[in-house]
Every structure is written in structure tokens, then in C-alpha cells.
Amino acid sequence: MTTSYRGNESVQSGYYLNLSRLAIEPVAENGGRLPAGPGSWTRIPTLAAILATPIVGLAFLMFLPMIGFVLCAKAIAVKLTGPATELAASVSPGMATGAAYMTGKEGEEAQKEAAPEVEKLAKEIEEKRKA
């Protein structure tokens, strides 16, 4: 018969296993508390704790580097095939967030005022080329 305990619960001394966290917690004295957190704790015999501890350590030893390699490969794949949203964000117009642009972008009015002068200058250049 196995009994499950919740985190931060007062328990008898012994070893407790939490499968969701993959942790074995020793409780030294009666009335000691289990660590708070997700998952339930199950009391296991001392011999099982002695045998399970190296297996849990081996799992960390094997999977931790593998997780690093997987995350590195994913980062490289994203760089090579990068989504178009990142590119679109980098070429977006330079508008300040939260600013009101009711009169248009900065410099638009100056461009409108300069347009007749530019046309006039273009005509002068064209006339001088013909002459």
C-alpha cells in the first residue's frame, strides 16, 4: 500500500520520491516537512532510495547535454530558415510606440513644400541640357 503526500506536509523520517520533479528527498526526523512544489511524494524504502539515486543522477548526466545540443540545433535552424516575421519587424517604419502621428510622419510636410522647387529645378536642368 502506497500513500501519497503533498508538498510542505509533515511526514515520518525516511526517503520520499517525487516523480513529477524526478527528486528523492530525505527527511531526517519525524515531523519533518517535504519541499513545497508540484507533484506528490511517495515514501520509498531506504534500499530503493540507494538504488534509485544513481539512476536519477545518470538520467541527468545523459539528458542534460542532449538538451543543450537540441536547443543549439534549434537555434541554428531558426537562424538558417528564420521566420519572415523577424525580417518584417526589422524593416518596419520608425514610428515611436504610443506617439500620435495625426499630422503625418516627421518630414512629410517638408517634402510636400519642396516638391514644386524640385520640379522647377528639374526643368532648369533639362533646359540647360538641351541648350
Protein backbone atom coordinates (compact mmCIF):
# COMPACT_ATOMS: atom_id res chain seq x y z
CA MET A 1 0.00 0.00 0.00
CA THR A 2 1.49 3.35 -1.04
CA THR A 3 0.48 6.64 0.42
CA SER A 4 0.94 9.92 -1.42
CA TYR A 5 1.90 13.10 0.36
CA ARG A 6 1.71 16.70 -0.80
CA GLY A 7 4.49 19.25 -0.67
CA ASN A 8 5.08 21.01 2.66
CA GLU A 9 3.31 18.16 4.51
CA SER A 10 4.63 16.84 7.83
CA VAL A 11 5.86 13.23 7.45
CA GLN A 12 7.82 10.50 9.26
CA SER A 13 11.56 10.17 8.72
CA GLY A 14 12.65 8.34 5.58
CA TYR A 15 13.11 8.82 1.86
CA TYR A 16 10.40 10.28 -0.40
CA LEU A 17 10.21 10.19 -4.20
CA ASN A 18 8.53 12.82 -6.39
CA LEU A 19 8.20 11.51 -9.95
CA SER A 20 6.98 14.79 -11.46
CA ARG A 21 10.16 16.55 -10.28
CA LEU A 22 12.31 13.41 -10.51
CA ALA A 23 13.60 14.05 -6.99
CA ILE A 24 14.37 11.97 -3.92
CA GLU A 25 14.13 13.90 -0.65
CA PRO A 26 15.50 12.57 2.64
CA VAL A 27 13.57 13.56 5.78
CA ALA A 28 15.85 13.16 8.82
CA GLU A 29 13.37 13.31 11.70
CA ASN A 30 9.73 12.53 12.38
CA GLY A 31 7.58 15.59 11.78
CA GLY A 32 9.93 16.93 9.10
CA ARG A 33 8.35 18.65 6.10
CA LEU A 34 8.58 17.80 2.43
CA PRO A 35 9.62 20.55 -0.01
CA ALA A 36 6.77 22.63 -1.39
CA GLY A 37 6.08 22.36 -5.10
CA PRO A 38 4.19 20.46 -7.76
CA GLY A 39 3.62 16.72 -7.72
CA SER A 40 3.02 14.19 -4.98
CA TRP A 41 5.59 12.48 -2.79
CA THR A 42 5.69 8.73 -2.14
CA ARG A 43 7.65 7.12 0.68
CA ILE A 44 10.19 4.58 -0.59
CA PRO A 45 12.35 2.08 1.31
CA THR A 46 15.94 3.06 2.07
CA LEU A 47 17.32 0.35 -0.23
CA ALA A 48 15.18 1.65 -3.10
CA ALA A 49 16.47 5.18 -2.48
CA ILE A 50 20.07 3.94 -2.53
CA LEU A 51 19.46 2.13 -5.81
CA ALA A 52 17.37 4.91 -7.43
CA THR A 53 19.71 7.81 -6.65
CA PRO A 54 22.44 6.78 -9.16
CA ILE A 55 19.78 6.10 -11.80
CA VAL A 56 18.32 9.59 -11.35
CA GLY A 57 21.84 11.06 -11.50
CA LEU A 58 22.59 9.08 -14.65
CA ALA A 59 19.40 10.38 -16.26
CA PHE A 60 20.52 13.97 -15.57
CA LEU A 61 24.02 13.14 -16.82
CA MET A 62 22.66 11.75 -20.09
CA PHE A 63 19.81 14.12 -20.85
CA LEU A 64 21.24 17.48 -19.75
CA PRO A 65 23.90 17.61 -22.52
CA MET A 66 21.39 16.24 -25.01
CA ILE A 67 19.00 19.08 -24.17
CA GLY A 68 21.85 21.52 -24.80
CA PHE A 69 22.59 20.01 -28.21
CA VAL A 70 18.90 20.03 -29.16
CA LEU A 71 18.47 23.68 -28.17
CA CYS A 72 21.65 24.64 -30.05
CA ALA A 73 20.45 22.81 -33.19
CA LYS A 74 17.08 24.54 -32.94
CA ALA A 75 18.74 27.96 -32.66
CA ILE A 76 20.86 27.25 -35.75
CA ALA A 77 17.82 26.01 -37.69
CA VAL A 78 15.87 29.17 -36.81
CA LYS A 79 18.81 31.32 -37.94
CA LEU A 80 19.04 29.46 -41.26
CA THR A 81 15.33 29.23 -42.02
CA GLY A 82 14.22 32.23 -39.92
CA PRO A 83 10.58 33.17 -39.99
CA ALA A 84 9.61 36.15 -42.16
CA THR A 85 8.09 37.92 -39.17
CA GLU A 86 11.57 38.68 -37.79
CA LEU A 87 12.61 40.18 -41.11
CA ALA A 88 9.41 42.21 -41.34
CA ALA A 89 9.95 43.55 -37.85
CA SER A 90 13.47 44.71 -38.69
CA VAL A 91 12.33 46.75 -41.74
CA SER A 92 9.22 48.27 -40.19
CA PRO A 93 8.82 52.06 -40.24
CA GLY A 94 10.46 54.05 -37.48
CA MET A 95 7.42 55.17 -35.55
CA ALA A 96 7.58 55.57 -31.80
CA THR A 97 5.16 53.42 -29.83
CA GLY A 98 2.45 55.47 -28.17
CA ALA A 99 3.16 58.64 -30.15
CA ALA A 100 0.35 60.35 -32.05
CA TYR A 101 1.02 60.90 -35.75
CA MET A 102 -2.09 62.87 -36.58
CA THR A 103 -0.17 65.28 -38.77
CA GLY A 104 1.81 62.55 -40.54
CA LYS A 105 5.38 61.43 -40.24
CA GLU A 106 8.16 63.82 -39.49
CA GLY A 107 9.45 65.40 -42.70
CA GLU A 108 6.40 64.70 -44.90
CA GLU A 109 5.34 68.34 -44.92
CA ALA A 110 8.84 69.49 -45.85
CA GLN A 111 8.80 67.06 -48.79
CA LYS A 112 5.45 68.45 -50.00
CA GLU A 113 6.75 72.02 -49.80
CA ALA A 114 9.96 71.09 -51.61
CA ALA A 115 8.16 69.27 -54.45
CA PRO A 116 7.44 72.40 -56.59
CA GLU A 117 11.03 73.58 -56.12
CA VAL A 118 12.36 70.20 -57.20
CA GLU A 119 10.17 70.21 -60.31
CA LYS A 120 11.32 73.73 -61.13
CA LEU A 121 14.97 72.73 -60.71
CA ALA A 122 14.44 69.62 -62.87
CA LYS A 123 13.01 71.83 -65.67
CA GLU A 124 16.02 74.17 -65.47
CA ILE A 125 18.43 71.24 -65.74
CA GLU A 126 16.51 69.83 -68.69
CA GLU A 127 16.60 73.23 -70.47
CA LYS A 128 20.35 73.54 -69.91
CA ARG A 129 20.97 70.06 -71.30
CA LYS A 130 19.02 70.88 -74.46
CA ALA A 131 20.88 74.16 -74.98
